[in-house]
């Protein structure tokens, strides 16, 4: 089988497409023929040895996939050969065949294509955990989403709207903001051409936002925190900008606000039952059309470096996938 392989830590151009033996499922595992694999920002970190999870070399990146079960290991119940599934793997998904733990599978909803299924778990799982659980957002509250046209950002826009919030989407181009409006954003801010704080002040009549969803970091985090309402919740989701901001903590005192960490991967590991419930609720929302994952591009495995570079350079709207 072919697999995208990371033999040494580095940037995407160091990856290679290699021929490897087909893996065999062990106890509690299944073998999946991969039909599509989602590409996410953590994939760009894990190959540089900058992520929380650090697999031994060599390994294939890729944290989520959709495909068909082709073999079942011992002690697996409830799954059958030929069943179409979504799997969260952490890494290893950029391969034609992947072994996954059966407890980390969910069935692909009827009528959902493989590429949509493969782009669903990590972004929507992260944003649902962030907005519903960590922020405990309430109907009528206002949420600002930074980097709103990216994978997790666009998911947060949709989920915020589904939970009854007023959503302000912030992104770097008018084209990206148009996509945000198509996915439910009530208001938009182009932070390349507009003053973020002044625009938030105008859109909220000076009250500020109740929740900030920040997967970007960098220069916009502090002005967003300064623009929060009383008892606001600032969600630290990631640092796609590459810069971890240094926040003056007196701002949280003055606002009576909270800075809340969001680490969905560890949430899924530590609280698997709660995460499984979240994912099934998200599947129901997707079946109902409440959330509509956007695939903006599809790449072959041979183009994995190109796909990951697009993510690193923040050129992606919605999600992109690798297709064997």
C-alpha atoms as a PDB file:
ATOM      1  CA  UNK A   1       0.000   0.000   0.000  1.00  0.00           C
ATOM      2  CA  UNK A   2       1.047   3.622  -0.490  1.00  0.00           C
ATOM      3  CA  UNK A   3       1.442   5.988   2.450  1.00  0.00           C
ATOM      4  CA  UNK A   4       2.671   9.534   3.029  1.00  0.00           C
ATOM      5  CA  UNK A   5       5.649   9.045   5.320  1.00  0.00           C
ATOM      6  CA  UNK A   6       7.436  11.350   7.750  1.00  0.00           C
ATOM      7  CA  UNK A   7      10.906   9.874   8.223  1.00  0.00           C
ATOM      8  CA  UNK A   8      12.456  12.948   9.820  1.00  0.00           C
ATOM      9  CA  UNK A   9      10.840  15.946  11.466  1.00  0.00           C
ATOM     10  CA  UNK A  10      10.529  18.982   9.237  1.00  0.00           C
ATOM     11  CA  UNK A  11       8.325  20.998   6.914  1.00  0.00           C
ATOM     12  CA  UNK A  12       5.855  19.377   4.491  1.00  0.00           C
ATOM     13  CA  UNK A  13       8.336  19.181   1.607  1.00  0.00           C
ATOM     14  CA  UNK A  14      10.335  16.591   3.586  1.00  0.00           C
ATOM     15  CA  UNK A  15       7.481  14.065   3.368  1.00  0.00           C
ATOM     16  CA  UNK A  16       7.663  11.200   0.902  1.00  0.00           C
ATOM     17  CA  UNK A  17       5.206   8.811  -0.699  1.00  0.00           C
ATOM     18  CA  UNK A  18       6.330   5.287   0.232  1.00  0.00           C
ATOM     19  CA  UNK A  19       5.251   1.704  -0.377  1.00  0.00           C
ATOM     20  CA  UNK A  20       4.543  -0.116   2.890  1.00  0.00           C
ATOM     21  CA  UNK A  21       3.122  -3.507   3.862  1.00  0.00           C
ATOM     22  CA  UNK A  22      -0.576  -3.635   4.688  1.00  0.00           C
ATOM     23  CA  UNK A  23      -0.972  -3.435   8.496  1.00  0.00           C
ATOM     24  CA  UNK A  24      -2.941  -6.070  10.373  1.00  0.00           C
ATOM     25  CA  UNK A  25      -5.582  -5.264  13.005  1.00  0.00           C
ATOM     26  CA  UNK A  26      -4.893  -6.417  16.550  1.00  0.00           C
ATOM     27  CA  UNK A  27      -7.333  -6.944  19.416  1.00  0.00           C
ATOM     28  CA  UNK A  28     -10.010  -4.260  19.460  1.00  0.00           C
ATOM     29  CA  UNK A  29      -8.945  -2.918  16.060  1.00  0.00           C
ATOM     30  CA  UNK A  30     -10.177  -2.868  12.465  1.00  0.00           C
ATOM     31  CA  UNK A  31      -8.451  -2.387   9.124  1.00  0.00           C
ATOM     32  CA  UNK A  32      -9.896   0.392   6.971  1.00  0.00           C
ATOM     33  CA  UNK A  33      -9.465   1.049   3.262  1.00  0.00           C
ATOM     34  CA  UNK A  34      -9.115   4.831   3.250  1.00  0.00           C
ATOM     35  CA  UNK A  35     -11.354   6.698   0.813  1.00  0.00           C
ATOM     36  CA  UNK A  36     -10.496  10.229   2.038  1.00  0.00           C
ATOM     37  CA  UNK A  37      -8.431  11.799   4.816  1.00  0.00           C
ATOM     38  CA  UNK A  38      -8.988  15.232   6.306  1.00  0.00           C
ATOM     39  CA  UNK A  39      -6.096  17.718   6.403  1.00  0.00           C
ATOM     40  CA  UNK A  40      -5.835  19.791   9.594  1.00  0.00           C
ATOM     41  CA  UNK A  41      -3.495  22.344  11.129  1.00  0.00           C
ATOM     42  CA  UNK A  42      -2.211  19.867  13.767  1.00  0.00           C
ATOM     43  CA  UNK A  43      -0.900  17.725  10.889  1.00  0.00           C
ATOM     44  CA  UNK A  44       1.526  20.549  10.056  1.00  0.00           C
ATOM     45  CA  UNK A  45       2.716  20.614  13.667  1.00  0.00           C
ATOM     46  CA  UNK A  46       3.071  16.892  14.251  1.00  0.00           C
ATOM     47  CA  UNK A  47       5.509  16.461  11.335  1.00  0.00           C
ATOM     48  CA  UNK A  48       7.672  19.218  12.886  1.00  0.00           C
ATOM     49  CA  UNK A  49       7.542  17.584  16.340  1.00  0.00           C
ATOM     50  CA  UNK A  50       5.700  20.652  17.659  1.00  0.00           C
ATOM     51  CA  UNK A  51       2.416  19.024  18.637  1.00  0.00           C
ATOM     52  CA  UNK A  52       1.219  17.577  21.937  1.00  0.00           C
ATOM     53  CA  UNK A  53       1.235  14.069  20.434  1.00  0.00           C
ATOM     54  CA  UNK A  54       4.683  12.873  19.359  1.00  0.00           C
ATOM     55  CA  UNK A  55       4.602   9.562  17.449  1.00  0.00           C
ATOM     56  CA  UNK A  56       7.808   7.645  16.886  1.00  0.00           C
ATOM     57  CA  UNK A  57       9.500   8.010  13.501  1.00  0.00           C
ATOM     58  CA  UNK A  58       8.713   7.021  10.843  1.00  0.00           C
ATOM     59  CA  UNK A  59       4.971   7.677  10.776  1.00  0.00           C
ATOM     60  CA  UNK A  60       2.208   8.918   8.500  1.00  0.00           C
ATOM     61  CA  UNK A  61       0.475  12.160   9.486  1.00  0.00           C
ATOM     62  CA  UNK A  62      -3.290  12.541   9.297  1.00  0.00           C
ATOM     63  CA  UNK A  63      -5.688  12.532  12.228  1.00  0.00           C
ATOM     64  CA  UNK A  64      -9.029  11.693  10.632  1.00  0.00           C
ATOM     65  CA  UNK A  65     -10.323   9.586   7.775  1.00  0.00           C
ATOM     66  CA  UNK A  66     -13.329   7.987   6.191  1.00  0.00           C
ATOM     67  CA  UNK A  67     -13.313   4.583   4.560  1.00  0.00           C
ATOM     68  CA  UNK A  68     -14.557   1.009   4.496  1.00  0.00           C
ATOM     69  CA  UNK A  69     -13.752  -1.737   7.005  1.00  0.00           C
ATOM     70  CA  UNK A  70     -11.881  -4.561   5.240  1.00  0.00           C
ATOM     71  CA  UNK A  71     -10.799  -6.710   8.206  1.00  0.00           C
ATOM     72  CA  UNK A  72     -11.648  -7.035  11.895  1.00  0.00           C
ATOM     73  CA  UNK A  73      -9.318  -8.013  14.727  1.00  0.00           C
ATOM     74  CA  UNK A  74     -10.134 -10.117  17.807  1.00  0.00           C
ATOM     75  CA  UNK A  75     -12.552  -8.801  20.440  1.00  0.00           C
ATOM     76  CA  UNK A  76     -14.306  -6.371  18.104  1.00  0.00           C
ATOM     77  CA  UNK A  77     -18.085  -6.233  18.404  1.00  0.00           C
ATOM     78  CA  UNK A  78     -20.658  -4.129  16.604  1.00  0.00           C
ATOM     79  CA  UNK A  79     -18.707  -3.618  13.368  1.00  0.00           C
ATOM     80  CA  UNK A  80     -18.687  -5.633  10.149  1.00  0.00           C
ATOM     81  CA  UNK A  81     -16.519  -5.935   7.059  1.00  0.00           C
ATOM     82  CA  UNK A  82     -17.866  -3.641   4.335  1.00  0.00           C
ATOM     83  CA  UNK A  83     -19.185  -1.018   6.782  1.00  0.00           C
ATOM     84  CA  UNK A  84     -18.371   2.615   5.994  1.00  0.00           C
ATOM     85  CA  UNK A  85     -16.899   4.494   8.949  1.00  0.00           C
ATOM     86  CA  UNK A  86     -15.267   7.675  10.186  1.00  0.00           C
ATOM     87  CA  UNK A  87     -12.140   7.154  12.288  1.00  0.00           C
ATOM     88  CA  UNK A  88     -10.166   9.527  14.497  1.00  0.00           C
ATOM     89  CA  UNK A  89      -6.572   8.285  14.517  1.00  0.00           C
ATOM     90  CA  UNK A  90      -4.391  11.114  15.832  1.00  0.00           C
ATOM     91  CA  UNK A  91      -1.904  10.260  13.086  1.00  0.00           C
ATOM     92  CA  UNK A  92      -1.564   7.631  10.343  1.00  0.00           C
ATOM     93  CA  UNK A  93      -4.537   8.565   8.147  1.00  0.00           C
ATOM     94  CA  UNK A  94      -2.495   9.581   5.090  1.00  0.00           C
ATOM     95  CA  UNK A  95      -2.284   6.003   3.855  1.00  0.00           C
ATOM     96  CA  UNK A  96      -4.309   3.707   1.615  1.00  0.00           C
ATOM     97  CA  UNK A  97      -4.973   1.307   4.511  1.00  0.00           C
ATOM     98  CA  UNK A  98      -5.086   2.156   8.212  1.00  0.00           C
ATOM     99  CA  UNK A  99      -5.567   0.228  11.438  1.00  0.00           C
ATOM    100  CA  UNK A 100      -7.849   2.049  13.893  1.00  0.00           C
ATOM    101  CA  UNK A 101      -9.267   1.321  17.336  1.00  0.00           C
ATOM    102  CA  UNK A 102     -12.876   0.193  17.065  1.00  0.00           C
ATOM    103  CA  UNK A 103     -13.879   2.440  19.964  1.00  0.00           C
ATOM    104  CA  UNK A 104     -12.792   5.471  17.891  1.00  0.00           C
ATOM    105  CA  UNK A 105     -15.148   4.753  14.983  1.00  0.00           C
ATOM    106  CA  UNK A 106     -18.515   6.222  14.124  1.00  0.00           C
ATOM    107  CA  UNK A 107     -20.673   5.046  11.222  1.00  0.00           C
ATOM    108  CA  UNK A 108     -20.908   7.322   8.211  1.00  0.00           C
ATOM    109  CA  UNK A 109     -24.453   8.691   8.074  1.00  0.00           C
ATOM    110  CA  UNK A 110     -26.495   7.520   5.069  1.00  0.00           C
ATOM    111  CA  UNK A 111     -25.957   9.667   1.997  1.00  0.00           C
ATOM    112  CA  UNK A 112     -22.839  11.444   3.320  1.00  0.00           C
ATOM    113  CA  UNK A 113     -19.916  11.180   0.836  1.00  0.00           C
ATOM    114  CA  UNK A 114     -16.509  10.016   2.020  1.00  0.00           C
ATOM    115  CA  UNK A 115     -14.781  13.382   1.591  1.00  0.00           C
ATOM    116  CA  UNK A 116     -17.354  15.186   3.743  1.00  0.00           C
ATOM    117  CA  UNK A 117     -17.185  12.421   6.357  1.00  0.00           C
ATOM    118  CA  UNK A 118     -13.382  12.640   6.440  1.00  0.00           C
ATOM    119  CA  UNK A 119     -13.398  16.382   7.065  1.00  0.00           C
ATOM    120  CA  UNK A 120     -15.905  16.290   9.881  1.00  0.00           C
ATOM    121  CA  UNK A 121     -14.575  14.793  13.110  1.00  0.00           C
ATOM    122  CA  UNK A 122     -11.656  16.990  14.125  1.00  0.00           C
ATOM    123  CA  UNK A 123     -12.956  20.427  13.146  1.00  0.00           C
ATOM    124  CA  UNK A 124     -16.552  19.999  14.253  1.00  0.00           C
ATOM    125  CA  UNK A 125     -15.548  17.949  17.310  1.00  0.00           C
ATOM    126  CA  UNK A 126     -13.174  20.716  18.397  1.00  0.00           C
ATOM    127  CA  UNK A 127     -15.660  23.512  17.797  1.00  0.00           C
ATOM    128  CA  UNK A 128     -18.606  21.729  19.419  1.00  0.00           C
ATOM    129  CA  UNK A 129     -16.545  20.953  22.516  1.00  0.00           C
ATOM    130  CA  UNK A 130     -15.333  24.557  22.587  1.00  0.00           C
ATOM    131  CA  UNK A 131     -18.602  26.388  22.012  1.00  0.00           C
ATOM    132  CA  UNK A 132     -21.071  24.114  23.813  1.00  0.00           C
ATOM    133  CA  UNK A 133     -18.961  22.676  26.643  1.00  0.00           C
ATOM    134  CA  UNK A 134     -16.093  25.066  27.381  1.00  0.00           C
ATOM    135  CA  UNK A 135     -17.929  28.323  26.592  1.00  0.00           C
ATOM    136  CA  UNK A 136     -21.403  27.057  27.556  1.00  0.00           C
ATOM    137  CA  UNK A 137     -22.788  29.565  25.095  1.00  0.00           C
ATOM    138  CA  UNK A 138     -26.396  30.618  25.599  1.00  0.00           C
ATOM    139  CA  UNK A 139     -29.046  31.675  23.059  1.00  0.00           C
ATOM    140  CA  UNK A 140     -28.842  35.405  22.419  1.00  0.00           C
ATOM    141  CA  UNK A 141     -25.174  35.741  23.370  1.00  0.00           C
ATOM    142  CA  UNK A 142     -22.672  37.144  20.874  1.00  0.00           C
ATOM    143  CA  UNK A 143     -19.620  35.175  19.744  1.00  0.00           C
ATOM    144  CA  UNK A 144     -16.638  36.517  17.797  1.00  0.00           C
ATOM    145  CA  UNK A 145     -14.848  33.906  15.671  1.00  0.00           C
ATOM    146  CA  UNK A 146     -11.287  34.749  14.604  1.00  0.00           C
ATOM    147  CA  UNK A 147      -9.942  32.950  11.536  1.00  0.00           C
ATOM    148  CA  UNK A 148     -13.577  32.270  10.761  1.00  0.00           C
ATOM    149  CA  UNK A 149     -13.109  30.944   7.220  1.00  0.00           C
ATOM    150  CA  UNK A 150     -10.761  28.123   8.247  1.00  0.00           C
ATOM    151  CA  UNK A 151     -11.852  24.601   9.130  1.00  0.00           C
ATOM    152  CA  UNK A 152     -12.493  24.986  12.860  1.00  0.00           C
ATOM    153  CA  UNK A 153     -13.543  28.622  12.430  1.00  0.00           C
ATOM    154  CA  UNK A 154     -16.263  27.873   9.909  1.00  0.00           C
ATOM    155  CA  UNK A 155     -17.436  24.968  12.068  1.00  0.00           C
ATOM    156  CA  UNK A 156     -17.642  27.357  15.037  1.00  0.00           C
ATOM    157  CA  UNK A 157     -19.716  29.809  12.988  1.00  0.00           C
ATOM    158  CA  UNK A 158     -22.237  27.087  12.119  1.00  0.00           C
ATOM    159  CA  UNK A 159     -22.345  25.600  15.611  1.00  0.00           C
ATOM    160  CA  UNK A 160     -22.712  29.000  17.259  1.00  0.00           C
ATOM    161  CA  UNK A 161     -25.690  29.786  15.026  1.00  0.00           C
ATOM    162  CA  UNK A 162     -27.212  26.358  15.674  1.00  0.00           C
ATOM    163  CA  UNK A 163     -26.998  26.994  19.442  1.00  0.00           C
ATOM    164  CA  UNK A 164     -28.751  30.341  19.135  1.00  0.00           C
ATOM    165  CA  UNK A 165     -25.836  32.774  19.295  1.00  0.00           C
ATOM    166  CA  UNK A 166     -25.270  35.922  17.270  1.00  0.00           C
ATOM    167  CA  UNK A 167     -22.036  35.235  15.376  1.00  0.00           C
ATOM    168  CA  UNK A 168     -19.488  37.813  14.249  1.00  0.00           C
ATOM    169  CA  UNK A 169     -16.980  36.299  11.808  1.00  0.00           C
ATOM    170  CA  UNK A 170     -13.524  37.848  11.422  1.00  0.00           C
ATOM    171  CA  UNK A 171     -11.168  36.928   8.581  1.00  0.00           C
ATOM    172  CA  UNK A 172      -8.499  38.469   6.367  1.00  0.00           C
ATOM    173  CA  UNK A 173     -10.307  38.868   3.016  1.00  0.00           C
ATOM    174  CA  UNK A 174     -13.741  39.818   1.752  1.00  0.00           C
ATOM    175  CA  UNK A 175     -13.879  36.529  -0.186  1.00  0.00           C
ATOM    176  CA  UNK A 176     -13.423  34.530   3.016  1.00  0.00           C
ATOM    177  CA  UNK A 177     -16.040  36.622   4.792  1.00  0.00           C
ATOM    178  CA  UNK A 178     -18.540  35.954   2.000  1.00  0.00           C
ATOM    179  CA  UNK A 179     -18.143  32.225   2.729  1.00  0.00           C
ATOM    180  CA  UNK A 180     -18.704  32.922   6.437  1.00  0.00           C
ATOM    181  CA  UNK A 181     -21.975  34.696   5.656  1.00  0.00           C
ATOM    182  CA  UNK A 182     -23.057  31.732   3.519  1.00  0.00           C
ATOM    183  CA  UNK A 183     -22.510  29.519   6.570  1.00  0.00           C
ATOM    184  CA  UNK A 184     -24.545  31.655   8.959  1.00  0.00           C
ATOM    185  CA  UNK A 185     -22.428  34.575  10.191  1.00  0.00           C
ATOM    186  CA  UNK A 186     -24.614  37.515  11.212  1.00  0.00           C
ATOM    187  CA  UNK A 187     -21.867  40.139  10.933  1.00  0.00           C
ATOM    188  CA  UNK A 188     -18.333  40.177   9.551  1.00  0.00           C
ATOM    189  CA  UNK A 189     -15.049  41.981  10.192  1.00  0.00           C
ATOM    190  CA  UNK A 190     -12.145  42.161   7.744  1.00  0.00           C
ATOM    191  CA  UNK A 191      -9.265  42.582  10.166  1.00  0.00           C
ATOM    192  CA  UNK A 192      -6.875  43.374   7.322  1.00  0.00           C
ATOM    193  CA  UNK A 193      -8.747  46.576   6.486  1.00  0.00           C
ATOM    194  CA  UNK A 194     -10.808  47.358   9.613  1.00  0.00           C
ATOM    195  CA  UNK A 195      -9.886  48.118  13.208  1.00  0.00           C
ATOM    196  CA  UNK A 196     -10.954  44.995  15.104  1.00  0.00           C
ATOM    197  CA  UNK A 197     -11.774  46.720  18.410  1.00  0.00           C
ATOM    198  CA  UNK A 198     -13.639  49.624  16.850  1.00  0.00           C
ATOM    199  CA  UNK A 199     -15.687  47.310  14.646  1.00  0.00           C
ATOM    200  CA  UNK A 200     -16.607  45.056  17.592  1.00  0.00           C
ATOM    201  CA  UNK A 201     -17.591  48.118  19.602  1.00  0.00           C
ATOM    202  CA  UNK A 202     -19.834  49.330  16.791  1.00  0.00           C
ATOM    203  CA  UNK A 203     -21.454  45.924  16.221  1.00  0.00           C
ATOM    204  CA  UNK A 204     -22.214  45.398  19.930  1.00  0.00           C
ATOM    205  CA  UNK A 205     -23.218  48.967  20.877  1.00  0.00           C
ATOM    206  CA  UNK A 206     -20.192  49.115  23.132  1.00  0.00           C
ATOM    207  CA  UNK A 207     -21.158  46.033  25.173  1.00  0.00           C
ATOM    208  CA  UNK A 208     -18.536  43.709  23.737  1.00  0.00           C
ATOM    209  CA  UNK A 209     -18.753  40.019  22.844  1.00  0.00           C
ATOM    210  CA  UNK A 210     -19.659  37.243  25.258  1.00  0.00           C
ATOM    211  CA  UNK A 211     -17.399  34.622  23.682  1.00  0.00           C
ATOM    212  CA  UNK A 212     -14.217  34.834  21.606  1.00  0.00           C
ATOM    213  CA  UNK A 213     -13.266  31.731  19.611  1.00  0.00           C
ATOM    214  CA  UNK A 214      -9.555  32.064  18.801  1.00  0.00           C
ATOM    215  CA  UNK A 215      -7.764  29.405  16.727  1.00  0.00           C
ATOM    216  CA  UNK A 216      -5.281  31.962  15.363  1.00  0.00           C
ATOM    217  CA  UNK A 217      -3.298  33.610  18.164  1.00  0.00           C
ATOM    218  CA  UNK A 218      -0.879  36.362  17.206  1.00  0.00           C
ATOM    219  CA  UNK A 219      -1.734  40.043  17.124  1.00  0.00           C
ATOM    220  CA  UNK A 220      -5.531  39.779  17.231  1.00  0.00           C
ATOM    221  CA  UNK A 221      -5.888  37.879  20.505  1.00  0.00           C
ATOM    222  CA  UNK A 222      -5.320  40.802  22.867  1.00  0.00           C
ATOM    223  CA  UNK A 223      -7.623  43.288  21.099  1.00  0.00           C
ATOM    224  CA  UNK A 224     -10.300  40.588  21.017  1.00  0.00           C
ATOM    225  CA  UNK A 225      -9.898  39.987  24.764  1.00  0.00           C
ATOM    226  CA  UNK A 226     -10.084  43.736  25.376  1.00  0.00           C
ATOM    227  CA  UNK A 227     -13.388  43.716  23.446  1.00  0.00           C
ATOM    228  CA  UNK A 228     -15.155  41.223  25.675  1.00  0.00           C
ATOM    229  CA  UNK A 229     -18.331  41.791  27.655  1.00  0.00           C
ATOM    230  CA  UNK A 230     -18.590  41.268  31.414  1.00  0.00           C
ATOM    231  CA  UNK A 231     -18.214  37.555  32.288  1.00  0.00           C
ATOM    232  CA  UNK A 232     -16.950  36.830  28.793  1.00  0.00           C
ATOM    233  CA  UNK A 233     -15.187  33.572  27.886  1.00  0.00           C
ATOM    234  CA  UNK A 234     -12.075  33.617  25.699  1.00  0.00           C
ATOM    235  CA  UNK A 235     -11.528  30.235  24.023  1.00  0.00           C
ATOM    236  CA  UNK A 236      -7.883  29.360  23.320  1.00  0.00           C
ATOM    237  CA  UNK A 237      -8.194  26.884  20.436  1.00  0.00           C
ATOM    238  CA  UNK A 238      -4.835  27.127  18.659  1.00  0.00           C
ATOM    239  CA  UNK A 239      -2.114  29.285  17.160  1.00  0.00           C
ATOM    240  CA  UNK A 240      -2.415  29.085  13.369  1.00  0.00           C
ATOM    241  CA  UNK A 241      -0.618  32.434  13.171  1.00  0.00           C
ATOM    242  CA  UNK A 242       2.452  30.737  14.649  1.00  0.00           C
ATOM    243  CA  UNK A 243       2.732  33.224  17.515  1.00  0.00           C
ATOM    244  CA  UNK A 244       1.556  32.435  21.043  1.00  0.00           C
ATOM    245  CA  UNK A 245       0.296  35.773  22.440  1.00  0.00           C
ATOM    246  CA  UNK A 246       1.371  37.100  25.833  1.00  0.00           C
ATOM    247  CA  UNK A 247      -1.824  38.330  27.482  1.00  0.00           C
ATOM    248  CA  UNK A 248      -1.879  40.917  30.319  1.00  0.00           C
ATOM    249  CA  UNK A 249      -3.872  39.046  32.953  1.00  0.00           C
ATOM    250  CA  UNK A 250      -5.242  42.248  34.446  1.00  0.00           C
ATOM    251  CA  UNK A 251      -7.654  42.290  31.482  1.00  0.00           C
ATOM    252  CA  UNK A 252      -9.468  39.257  32.876  1.00  0.00           C
ATOM    253  CA  UNK A 253      -9.817  41.008  36.234  1.00  0.00           C
ATOM    254  CA  UNK A 254     -11.261  44.159  34.694  1.00  0.00           C
ATOM    255  CA  UNK A 255     -13.727  42.198  32.554  1.00  0.00           C
ATOM    256  CA  UNK A 256     -14.601  39.511  35.083  1.00  0.00           C
ATOM    257  CA  UNK A 257     -13.764  37.219  32.182  1.00  0.00           C
ATOM    258  CA  UNK A 258     -12.278  33.766  31.764  1.00  0.00           C
ATOM    259  CA  UNK A 259      -9.529  32.407  29.504  1.00  0.00           C
ATOM    260  CA  UNK A 260     -10.544  28.836  28.684  1.00  0.00           C
ATOM    261  CA  UNK A 261      -8.287  26.217  27.077  1.00  0.00           C
ATOM    262  CA  UNK A 262      -9.685  23.927  24.375  1.00  0.00           C
ATOM    263  CA  UNK A 263      -7.808  20.661  23.702  1.00  0.00           C
ATOM    264  CA  UNK A 264     -10.273  18.403  21.958  1.00  0.00           C
ATOM    265  CA  UNK A 265      -7.801  15.566  21.386  1.00  0.00           C
ATOM    266  CA  UNK A 266      -7.222  15.081  25.105  1.00  0.00           C
ATOM    267  CA  UNK A 267     -10.922  15.614  25.838  1.00  0.00           C
ATOM    268  CA  UNK A 268     -11.684  12.731  23.457  1.00  0.00           C
ATOM    269  CA  UNK A 269      -9.109  10.566  25.265  1.00  0.00           C
ATOM    270  CA  UNK A 270     -10.040  11.498  28.837  1.00  0.00           C
ATOM    271  CA  UNK A 271     -13.820  11.689  28.392  1.00  0.00           C
ATOM    272  CA  UNK A 272     -14.639   9.236  25.596  1.00  0.00           C
ATOM    273  CA  UNK A 273     -18.318   8.810  26.492  1.00  0.00           C
ATOM    274  CA  UNK A 274     -18.963  12.552  26.480  1.00  0.00           C
ATOM    275  CA  UNK A 275     -17.066  12.908  23.215  1.00  0.00           C
ATOM    276  CA  UNK A 276     -19.013  10.059  21.610  1.00  0.00           C
ATOM    277  CA  UNK A 277     -22.251  11.768  22.624  1.00  0.00           C
ATOM    278  CA  UNK A 278     -21.006  15.026  21.083  1.00  0.00           C
ATOM    279  CA  UNK A 279     -20.124  13.296  17.820  1.00  0.00           C
ATOM    280  CA  UNK A 280     -23.498  11.613  17.542  1.00  0.00           C
ATOM    281  CA  UNK A 281     -25.210  14.960  18.151  1.00  0.00           C
ATOM    282  CA  UNK A 282     -23.070  16.461  15.391  1.00  0.00           C
ATOM    283  CA  UNK A 283     -23.980  13.607  13.040  1.00  0.00           C
ATOM    284  CA  UNK A 284     -27.628  14.404  13.691  1.00  0.00           C
ATOM    285  CA  UNK A 285     -27.007  18.081  12.944  1.00  0.00           C
ATOM    286  CA  UNK A 286     -25.262  17.170   9.689  1.00  0.00           C
ATOM    287  CA  UNK A 287     -28.113  14.862   8.668  1.00  0.00           C
ATOM    288  CA  UNK A 288     -30.580  17.662   9.415  1.00  0.00           C
ATOM    289  CA  UNK A 289     -28.568  20.124   7.329  1.00  0.00           C
ATOM    290  CA  UNK A 290     -27.864  22.399  10.298  1.00  0.00           C
ATOM    291  CA  UNK A 291     -24.128  22.093   9.663  1.00  0.00           C
ATOM    292  CA  UNK A 292     -22.694  21.781   6.159  1.00  0.00           C
ATOM    293  CA  UNK A 293     -18.959  20.997   5.992  1.00  0.00           C
ATOM    294  CA  UNK A 294     -17.241  22.798   3.116  1.00  0.00           C
ATOM    295  CA  UNK A 295     -14.598  20.982   1.048  1.00  0.00           C
ATOM    296  CA  UNK A 296     -12.712  23.624  -0.932  1.00  0.00           C
ATOM    297  CA  UNK A 297     -10.062  21.355  -2.512  1.00  0.00           C
ATOM    298  CA  UNK A 298      -9.078  17.715  -2.958  1.00  0.00           C
ATOM    299  CA  UNK A 299      -5.476  16.509  -3.283  1.00  0.00           C
ATOM    300  CA  UNK A 300      -3.880  13.173  -4.111  1.00  0.00           C
ATOM    301  CA  UNK A 301      -1.501  11.522  -1.635  1.00  0.00           C
ATOM    302  CA  UNK A 302       1.375  12.586  -3.914  1.00  0.00           C
ATOM    303  CA  UNK A 303       0.250  16.200  -3.316  1.00  0.00           C
ATOM    304  CA  UNK A 304       0.262  15.911   0.489  1.00  0.00           C
ATOM    305  CA  UNK A 305       3.069  18.477   0.882  1.00  0.00           C
ATOM    306  CA  UNK A 306       1.151  20.966  -1.280  1.00  0.00           C
ATOM    307  CA  UNK A 307      -1.974  20.458   0.816  1.00  0.00           C
ATOM    308  CA  UNK A 308      -0.148  20.916   4.116  1.00  0.00           C
ATOM    309  CA  UNK A 309       1.654  24.013   2.825  1.00  0.00           C
ATOM    310  CA  UNK A 310      -1.719  25.521   1.907  1.00  0.00           C
ATOM    311  CA  UNK A 311      -2.870  24.972   5.499  1.00  0.00           C
ATOM    312  CA  UNK A 312       0.321  26.464   6.947  1.00  0.00           C
ATOM    313  CA  UNK A 313       0.019  29.528   4.703  1.00  0.00           C
ATOM    314  CA  UNK A 314      -3.642  29.970   5.734  1.00  0.00           C
ATOM    315  CA  UNK A 315      -4.851  29.744   2.155  1.00  0.00           C
ATOM    316  CA  UNK A 316      -7.598  27.223   2.915  1.00  0.00           C
ATOM    317  CA  UNK A 317     -11.289  28.046   3.170  1.00  0.00           C
ATOM    318  CA  UNK A 318     -13.274  25.376   4.986  1.00  0.00           C
ATOM    319  CA  UNK A 319     -11.514  22.033   4.722  1.00  0.00           C
ATOM    320  CA  UNK A 320      -9.292  20.185   2.248  1.00  0.00           C
ATOM    321  CA  UNK A 321      -8.893  16.421   1.949  1.00  0.00           C
ATOM    322  CA  UNK A 322      -6.456  13.870   0.574  1.00  0.00           C
ATOM    323  CA  UNK A 323      -8.004  11.222  -1.679  1.00  0.00           C
ATOM    324  CA  UNK A 324      -6.057   8.046  -2.520  1.00  0.00           C
END
